[in-house]
Amino acid sequence: MELRDKILEVVVEVAELSECELVSDFNDSTILLESGLDSLGFAILVARLEEELDYDPFAEMENAVYPTTFAEFVSIYSQNK
């Protein structure tokens, strides 16, 4: 399974778990703040991805980066793998 697909799978699981409704046209250009996940959902997402992928790229960054879109979010995981 590709990294992007795995991340998307976890996004959907977290949305269901936290009872958030993702936007219907969720895709690479979806603005994360408009995706339907709330701040708790994003915290759970990063924690679940750390469990699934065995790393947290945000914890390993020297300078904090806040992705705007889903594609940027996936890119952070791709670059810091």
PDB file of N, CA and C in Angstrom:
ATOM      1  N   MET A   1       0.848  -1.174   0.000  1.00  0.00           N
ATOM      2  CA  MET A   1       0.000   0.000   0.000  1.00  0.00           C
ATOM      3  C   MET A   1       0.897   1.242   0.000  1.00  0.00           C
ATOM      4  N   GLU A   2       0.552   2.198  -0.819  1.00  0.00           N
ATOM      5  CA  GLU A   2       1.317   3.437  -0.883  1.00  0.00           C
ATOM      6  C   GLU A   2       1.109   4.259   0.381  1.00  0.00           C
ATOM      7  N   LEU A   3       2.093   5.074   0.697  1.00  0.00           N
ATOM      8  CA  LEU A   3       2.045   5.901   1.893  1.00  0.00           C
ATOM      9  C   LEU A   3       0.811   6.804   1.887  1.00  0.00           C
ATOM     10  N   ARG A   4       0.537   7.447   0.762  1.00  0.00           N
ATOM     11  CA  ARG A   4      -0.620   8.341   0.668  1.00  0.00           C
ATOM     12  C   ARG A   4      -1.903   7.595   0.983  1.00  0.00           C
ATOM     13  N   ASP A   5      -2.049   6.389   0.432  1.00  0.00           N
ATOM     14  CA  ASP A   5      -3.255   5.597   0.659  1.00  0.00           C
ATOM     15  C   ASP A   5      -3.385   5.195   2.129  1.00  0.00           C
ATOM     16  N   LYS A   6      -2.253   4.855   2.754  1.00  0.00           N
ATOM     17  CA  LYS A   6      -2.268   4.491   4.168  1.00  0.00           C
ATOM     18  C   LYS A   6      -2.691   5.684   5.020  1.00  0.00           C
ATOM     19  N   ILE A   7      -2.126   6.846   4.718  1.00  0.00           N
ATOM     20  CA  ILE A   7      -2.483   8.054   5.474  1.00  0.00           C
ATOM     21  C   ILE A   7      -3.968   8.361   5.288  1.00  0.00           C
ATOM     22  N   LEU A   8      -4.463   8.264   4.074  1.00  0.00           N
ATOM     23  CA  LEU A   8      -5.881   8.522   3.814  1.00  0.00           C
ATOM     24  C   LEU A   8      -6.762   7.527   4.565  1.00  0.00           C
ATOM     25  N   GLU A   9      -6.354   6.286   4.604  1.00  0.00           N
ATOM     26  CA  GLU A   9      -7.105   5.269   5.339  1.00  0.00           C
ATOM     27  C   GLU A   9      -7.211   5.649   6.822  1.00  0.00           C
ATOM     28  N   VAL A  10      -6.111   6.103   7.401  1.00  0.00           N
ATOM     29  CA  VAL A  10      -6.106   6.493   8.811  1.00  0.00           C
ATOM     30  C   VAL A  10      -6.936   7.764   9.017  1.00  0.00           C
ATOM     31  N   VAL A  11      -6.889   8.693   8.068  1.00  0.00           N
ATOM     32  CA  VAL A  11      -7.721   9.908   8.147  1.00  0.00           C
ATOM     33  C   VAL A  11      -9.192   9.518   8.258  1.00  0.00           C
ATOM     34  N   VAL A  12      -9.626   8.606   7.412  1.00  0.00           N
ATOM     35  CA  VAL A  12     -11.030   8.174   7.412  1.00  0.00           C
ATOM     36  C   VAL A  12     -11.370   7.488   8.742  1.00  0.00           C
ATOM     37  N   GLU A  13     -10.467   6.626   9.236  1.00  0.00           N
ATOM     38  CA  GLU A  13     -10.704   5.945  10.510  1.00  0.00           C
ATOM     39  C   GLU A  13     -10.828   6.949  11.655  1.00  0.00           C
ATOM     40  N   VAL A  14      -9.935   7.935  11.679  1.00  0.00           N
ATOM     41  CA  VAL A  14      -9.949   8.943  12.742  1.00  0.00           C
ATOM     42  C   VAL A  14     -11.217   9.786  12.662  1.00  0.00           C
ATOM     43  N   ALA A  15     -11.635  10.132  11.465  1.00  0.00           N
ATOM     44  CA  ALA A  15     -12.865  10.912  11.307  1.00  0.00           C
ATOM     45  C   ALA A  15     -14.054  10.148  11.870  1.00  0.00           C
ATOM     46  N   GLU A  16     -14.120   8.858  11.591  1.00  0.00           N
ATOM     47  CA  GLU A  16     -15.208   8.040  12.116  1.00  0.00           C
ATOM     48  C   GLU A  16     -15.124   7.932  13.637  1.00  0.00           C
ATOM     49  N   LEU A  17     -13.932   7.707  14.151  1.00  0.00           N
ATOM     50  CA  LEU A  17     -13.714   7.568  15.584  1.00  0.00           C
ATOM     51  C   LEU A  17     -14.082   8.839  16.342  1.00  0.00           C
ATOM     52  N   SER A  18     -13.712   9.977  15.774  1.00  0.00           N
ATOM     53  CA  SER A  18     -13.968  11.251  16.462  1.00  0.00           C
ATOM     54  C   SER A  18     -15.288  11.892  16.036  1.00  0.00           C
ATOM     55  N   GLU A  19     -16.068  11.137  15.275  1.00  0.00           N
ATOM     56  CA  GLU A  19     -17.382  11.578  14.821  1.00  0.00           C
ATOM     57  C   GLU A  19     -17.333  12.902  14.060  1.00  0.00           C
ATOM     58  N   CYS A  20     -16.293  13.045  13.239  1.00  0.00           N
ATOM     59  CA  CYS A  20     -16.166  14.200  12.348  1.00  0.00           C
ATOM     60  C   CYS A  20     -16.580  13.757  10.952  1.00  0.00           C
ATOM     61  N   GLU A  21     -17.161  14.658  10.209  1.00  0.00           N
ATOM     62  CA  GLU A  21     -17.564  14.331   8.847  1.00  0.00           C
ATOM     63  C   GLU A  21     -16.605  15.011   7.877  1.00  0.00           C
ATOM     64  N   LEU A  22     -15.839  14.183   7.145  1.00  0.00           N
ATOM     65  CA  LEU A  22     -14.919  14.727   6.153  1.00  0.00           C
ATOM     66  C   LEU A  22     -15.696  15.335   4.996  1.00  0.00           C
ATOM     67  N   VAL A  23     -15.102  16.338   4.358  1.00  0.00           N
ATOM     68  CA  VAL A  23     -15.737  16.912   3.176  1.00  0.00           C
ATOM     69  C   VAL A  23     -15.868  15.823   2.115  1.00  0.00           C
ATOM     70  N   SER A  24     -16.911  15.890   1.325  1.00  0.00           N
ATOM     71  CA  SER A  24     -17.198  14.819   0.366  1.00  0.00           C
ATOM     72  C   SER A  24     -16.162  14.702  -0.742  1.00  0.00           C
ATOM     73  N   ASP A  25     -15.525  15.797  -1.092  1.00  0.00           N
ATOM     74  CA  ASP A  25     -14.535  15.759  -2.173  1.00  0.00           C
ATOM     75  C   ASP A  25     -13.108  15.826  -1.620  1.00  0.00           C
ATOM     76  N   PHE A  26     -12.847  15.098  -0.542  1.00  0.00           N
ATOM     77  CA  PHE A  26     -11.529  15.085   0.094  1.00  0.00           C
ATOM     78  C   PHE A  26     -10.498  14.580  -0.917  1.00  0.00           C
ATOM     79  N   ASN A  27      -9.459  15.398  -1.159  1.00  0.00           N
ATOM     80  CA  ASN A  27      -8.424  15.023  -2.119  1.00  0.00           C
ATOM     81  C   ASN A  27      -7.124  15.739  -1.752  1.00  0.00           C
ATOM     82  N   ASP A  28      -6.120  15.642  -2.608  1.00  0.00           N
ATOM     83  CA  ASP A  28      -4.809  16.215  -2.316  1.00  0.00           C
ATOM     84  C   ASP A  28      -4.854  17.725  -2.088  1.00  0.00           C
ATOM     85  N   SER A  29      -5.759  18.419  -2.725  1.00  0.00           N
ATOM     86  CA  SER A  29      -5.814  19.872  -2.577  1.00  0.00           C
ATOM     87  C   SER A  29      -6.757  20.331  -1.466  1.00  0.00           C
ATOM     88  N   THR A  30      -7.332  19.384  -0.735  1.00  0.00           N
ATOM     89  CA  THR A  30      -8.218  19.742   0.373  1.00  0.00           C
ATOM     90  C   THR A  30      -7.437  20.511   1.432  1.00  0.00           C
ATOM     91  N   ILE A  31      -7.972  21.658   1.816  1.00  0.00           N
ATOM     92  CA  ILE A  31      -7.377  22.461   2.881  1.00  0.00           C
ATOM     93  C   ILE A  31      -7.660  21.740   4.201  1.00  0.00           C
ATOM     94  N   LEU A  32      -6.610  21.444   4.953  1.00  0.00           N
ATOM     95  CA  LEU A  32      -6.778  20.648   6.166  1.00  0.00           C
ATOM     96  C   LEU A  32      -7.740  21.280   7.161  1.00  0.00           C
ATOM     97  N   LEU A  33      -7.680  22.597   7.306  1.00  0.00           N
ATOM     98  CA  LEU A  33      -8.583  23.266   8.242  1.00  0.00           C
ATOM     99  C   LEU A  33     -10.039  23.214   7.793  1.00  0.00           C
ATOM    100  N   GLU A  34     -10.260  22.861   6.537  1.00  0.00           N
ATOM    101  CA  GLU A  34     -11.613  22.764   5.990  1.00  0.00           C
ATOM    102  C   GLU A  34     -11.994  21.324   5.670  1.00  0.00           C
ATOM    103  N   SER A  35     -11.201  20.371   6.140  1.00  0.00           N
ATOM    104  CA  SER A  35     -11.389  18.961   5.792  1.00  0.00           C
ATOM    105  C   SER A  35     -12.522  18.286   6.552  1.00  0.00           C
ATOM    106  N   GLY A  36     -12.887  18.840   7.703  1.00  0.00           N
ATOM    107  CA  GLY A  36     -13.898  18.210   8.540  1.00  0.00           C
ATOM    108  C   GLY A  36     -13.308  17.687   9.838  1.00  0.00           C
ATOM    109  N   LEU A  37     -11.998  17.488   9.892  1.00  0.00           N
ATOM    110  CA  LEU A  37     -11.351  17.079  11.138  1.00  0.00           C
ATOM    111  C   LEU A  37     -11.140  18.299  12.024  1.00  0.00           C
ATOM    112  N   ASP A  38     -11.362  18.133  13.312  1.00  0.00           N
ATOM    113  CA  ASP A  38     -11.087  19.218  14.245  1.00  0.00           C
ATOM    114  C   ASP A  38      -9.683  19.039  14.821  1.00  0.00           C
ATOM    115  N   SER A  39      -9.276  19.911  15.731  1.00  0.00           N
ATOM    116  CA  SER A  39      -7.919  19.859  16.265  1.00  0.00           C
ATOM    117  C   SER A  39      -7.653  18.553  17.013  1.00  0.00           C
ATOM    118  N   LEU A  40      -8.639  18.050  17.732  1.00  0.00           N
ATOM    119  CA  LEU A  40      -8.480  16.766  18.401  1.00  0.00           C
ATOM    120  C   LEU A  40      -8.308  15.656  17.374  1.00  0.00           C
ATOM    121  N   GLY A  41      -9.055  15.729  16.296  1.00  0.00           N
ATOM    122  CA  GLY A  41      -8.934  14.744  15.226  1.00  0.00           C
ATOM    123  C   GLY A  41      -7.535  14.720  14.631  1.00  0.00           C
ATOM    124  N   PHE A  42      -6.947  15.900  14.439  1.00  0.00           N
ATOM    125  CA  PHE A  42      -5.587  15.956  13.903  1.00  0.00           C
ATOM    126  C   PHE A  42      -4.576  15.391  14.889  1.00  0.00           C
ATOM    127  N   ALA A  43      -4.779  15.656  16.171  1.00  0.00           N
ATOM    128  CA  ALA A  43      -3.876  15.103  17.188  1.00  0.00           C
ATOM    129  C   ALA A  43      -3.956  13.579  17.191  1.00  0.00           C
ATOM    130  N   ILE A  44      -5.163  13.054  17.101  1.00  0.00           N
ATOM    131  CA  ILE A  44      -5.348  11.606  17.046  1.00  0.00           C
ATOM    132  C   ILE A  44      -4.739  11.052  15.763  1.00  0.00           C
ATOM    133  N   LEU A  45      -4.913  11.761  14.656  1.00  0.00           N
ATOM    134  CA  LEU A  45      -4.359  11.336  13.371  1.00  0.00           C
ATOM    135  C   LEU A  45      -2.849  11.179  13.454  1.00  0.00           C
ATOM    136  N   VAL A  46      -2.167  12.176  13.970  1.00  0.00           N
ATOM    137  CA  VAL A  46      -0.704  12.120  14.058  1.00  0.00           C
ATOM    138  C   VAL A  46      -0.277  10.985  14.992  1.00  0.00           C
ATOM    139  N   ALA A  47      -0.997  10.803  16.093  1.00  0.00           N
ATOM    140  CA  ALA A  47      -0.675   9.717  17.024  1.00  0.00           C
ATOM    141  C   ALA A  47      -0.896   8.353  16.373  1.00  0.00           C
ATOM    142  N   ARG A  48      -1.997   8.198  15.664  1.00  0.00           N
ATOM    143  CA  ARG A  48      -2.278   6.921  14.982  1.00  0.00           C
ATOM    144  C   ARG A  48      -1.266   6.645  13.880  1.00  0.00           C
ATOM    145  N   LEU A  49      -0.883   7.693  13.143  1.00  0.00           N
ATOM    146  CA  LEU A  49       0.122   7.495  12.099  1.00  0.00           C
ATOM    147  C   LEU A  49       1.466   7.106  12.699  1.00  0.00           C
ATOM    148  N   GLU A  50       1.786   7.647  13.866  1.00  0.00           N
ATOM    149  CA  GLU A  50       3.024   7.251  14.528  1.00  0.00           C
ATOM    150  C   GLU A  50       2.979   5.764  14.889  1.00  0.00           C
ATOM    151  N   GLU A  51       1.836   5.293  15.350  1.00  0.00           N
ATOM    152  CA  GLU A  51       1.669   3.870  15.655  1.00  0.00           C
ATOM    153  C   GLU A  51       1.793   3.019  14.394  1.00  0.00           C
ATOM    154  N   GLU A  52       1.150   3.465  13.322  1.00  0.00           N
ATOM    155  CA  GLU A  52       1.122   2.695  12.072  1.00  0.00           C
ATOM    156  C   GLU A  52       2.461   2.711  11.335  1.00  0.00           C
ATOM    157  N   LEU A  53       3.127   3.869  11.334  1.00  0.00           N
ATOM    158  CA  LEU A  53       4.336   4.047  10.522  1.00  0.00           C
ATOM    159  C   LEU A  53       5.627   4.009  11.334  1.00  0.00           C
ATOM    160  N   ASP A  54       5.511   3.984  12.637  1.00  0.00           N
ATOM    161  CA  ASP A  54       6.660   3.938  13.548  1.00  0.00           C
ATOM    162  C   ASP A  54       7.509   5.190  13.526  1.00  0.00           C
ATOM    163  N   TYR A  55       6.947   6.319  13.165  1.00  0.00           N
ATOM    164  CA  TYR A  55       7.657   7.591  13.275  1.00  0.00           C
ATOM    165  C   TYR A  55       6.685   8.759  13.215  1.00  0.00           C
ATOM    166  N   ASP A  56       7.132   9.875  13.787  1.00  0.00           N
ATOM    167  CA  ASP A  56       6.357  11.114  13.784  1.00  0.00           C
ATOM    168  C   ASP A  56       7.255  12.199  13.208  1.00  0.00           C
ATOM    169  N   PRO A  57       7.065  12.547  11.940  1.00  0.00           N
ATOM    170  CA  PRO A  57       7.959  13.532  11.321  1.00  0.00           C
ATOM    171  C   PRO A  57       7.888  14.900  11.980  1.00  0.00           C
ATOM    172  N   PHE A  58       6.758  15.215  12.597  1.00  0.00           N
ATOM    173  CA  PHE A  58       6.624  16.522  13.239  1.00  0.00           C
ATOM    174  C   PHE A  58       7.514  16.616  14.478  1.00  0.00           C
ATOM    175  N   ALA A  59       7.666  15.513  15.192  1.00  0.00           N
ATOM    176  CA  ALA A  59       8.526  15.493  16.378  1.00  0.00           C
ATOM    177  C   ALA A  59       9.999  15.558  15.997  1.00  0.00           C
ATOM    178  N   GLU A  60      10.325  15.115  14.786  1.00  0.00           N
ATOM    179  CA  GLU A  60      11.712  15.078  14.342  1.00  0.00           C
ATOM    180  C   GLU A  60      12.158  16.357  13.639  1.00  0.00           C
ATOM    181  N   MET A  61      11.250  17.262  13.356  1.00  0.00           N
ATOM    182  CA  MET A  61      11.584  18.503  12.649  1.00  0.00           C
ATOM    183  C   MET A  61      12.324  19.482  13.552  1.00  0.00           C
ATOM    184  N   GLU A  62      13.309  20.134  12.970  1.00  0.00           N
ATOM    185  CA  GLU A  62      13.991  21.203  13.703  1.00  0.00           C
ATOM    186  C   GLU A  62      13.127  22.457  13.719  1.00  0.00           C
ATOM    187  N   ASN A  63      12.524  22.772  12.592  1.00  0.00           N
ATOM    188  CA  ASN A  63      11.634  23.932  12.463  1.00  0.00           C
ATOM    189  C   ASN A  63      10.227  23.431  12.179  1.00  0.00           C
ATOM    190  N   ALA A  64       9.295  23.858  12.986  1.00  0.00           N
ATOM    191  CA  ALA A  64       7.919  23.403  12.823  1.00  0.00           C
ATOM    192  C   ALA A  64       7.351  23.852  11.473  1.00  0.00           C
ATOM    193  N   VAL A  65       6.680  22.932  10.826  1.00  0.00           N
ATOM    194  CA  VAL A  65       6.015  23.202   9.557  1.00  0.00           C
ATOM    195  C   VAL A  65       4.559  22.795   9.720  1.00  0.00           C
ATOM    196  N   TYR A  66       3.675  23.653   9.276  1.00  0.00           N
ATOM    197  CA  TYR A  66       2.256  23.364   9.378  1.00  0.00           C
ATOM    198  C   TYR A  66       1.687  23.244   7.962  1.00  0.00           C
ATOM    199  N   PRO A  67       1.389  22.015   7.536  1.00  0.00           N
ATOM    200  CA  PRO A  67       0.877  21.826   6.179  1.00  0.00           C
ATOM    201  C   PRO A  67      -0.495  22.451   6.006  1.00  0.00           C
ATOM    202  N   THR A  68      -0.735  22.957   4.816  1.00  0.00           N
ATOM    203  CA  THR A  68      -2.017  23.577   4.507  1.00  0.00           C
ATOM    204  C   THR A  68      -2.968  22.581   3.855  1.00  0.00           C
ATOM    205  N   THR A  69      -2.449  21.769   2.949  1.00  0.00           N
ATOM    206  CA  THR A  69      -3.289  20.835   2.197  1.00  0.00           C
ATOM    207  C   THR A  69      -2.943  19.391   2.560  1.00  0.00           C
ATOM    208  N   PHE A  70      -3.808  18.496   2.151  1.00  0.00           N
ATOM    209  CA  PHE A  70      -3.556  17.070   2.381  1.00  0.00           C
ATOM    210  C   PHE A  70      -2.276  16.642   1.665  1.00  0.00           C
ATOM    211  N   ALA A  71      -2.035  17.140   0.466  1.00  0.00           N
ATOM    212  CA  ALA A  71      -0.815  16.791  -0.274  1.00  0.00           C
ATOM    213  C   ALA A  71       0.432  17.231   0.498  1.00  0.00           C
ATOM    214  N   GLU A  72       0.397  18.403   1.109  1.00  0.00           N
ATOM    215  CA  GLU A  72       1.535  18.874   1.903  1.00  0.00           C
ATOM    216  C   GLU A  72       1.719  17.991   3.139  1.00  0.00           C
ATOM    217  N   PHE A  73       0.619  17.569   3.742  1.00  0.00           N
ATOM    218  CA  PHE A  73       0.667  16.680   4.902  1.00  0.00           C
ATOM    219  C   PHE A  73       1.350  15.366   4.516  1.00  0.00           C
ATOM    220  N   VAL A  74       0.944  14.779   3.406  1.00  0.00           N
ATOM    221  CA  VAL A  74       1.539  13.527   2.931  1.00  0.00           C
ATOM    222  C   VAL A  74       3.016  13.740   2.601  1.00  0.00           C
ATOM    223  N   SER A  75       3.338  14.870   2.006  1.00  0.00           N
ATOM    224  CA  SER A  75       4.723  15.186   1.646  1.00  0.00           C
ATOM    225  C   SER A  75       5.632  15.211   2.863  1.00  0.00           C
ATOM    226  N   ILE A  76       5.153  15.734   3.960  1.00  0.00           N
ATOM    227  CA  ILE A  76       5.950  15.767   5.190  1.00  0.00           C
ATOM    228  C   ILE A  76       6.284  14.338   5.626  1.00  0.00           C
ATOM    229  N   TYR A  77       5.330  13.442   5.539  1.00  0.00           N
ATOM    230  CA  TYR A  77       5.580  12.048   5.897  1.00  0.00           C
ATOM    231  C   TYR A  77       6.515  11.388   4.889  1.00  0.00           C
ATOM    232  N   SER A  78       6.409  11.740   3.620  1.00  0.00           N
ATOM    233  CA  SER A  78       7.263  11.170   2.584  1.00  0.00           C
ATOM    234  C   SER A  78       8.716  11.616   2.729  1.00  0.00           C
ATOM    235  N   GLN A  79       8.921  12.884   3.028  1.00  0.00           N
ATOM    236  CA  GLN A  79      10.263  13.449   3.110  1.00  0.00           C
ATOM    237  C   GLN A  79      11.002  13.013   4.358  1.00  0.00           C
ATOM    238  N   ASN A  80      10.287  12.754   5.406  1.00  0.00           N
ATOM    239  CA  ASN A  80      10.916  12.464   6.685  1.00  0.00           C
ATOM    240  C   ASN A  80      10.870  11.000   7.065  1.00  0.00           C
ATOM    241  N   LYS A  81      10.634  10.171   6.098  1.00  0.00           N
ATOM    242  CA  LYS A  81      10.518   8.739   6.366  1.00  0.00           C
ATOM    243  C   LYS A  81      11.866   8.127   6.626  1.00  0.00           C
TER     244      LYS A  81
END
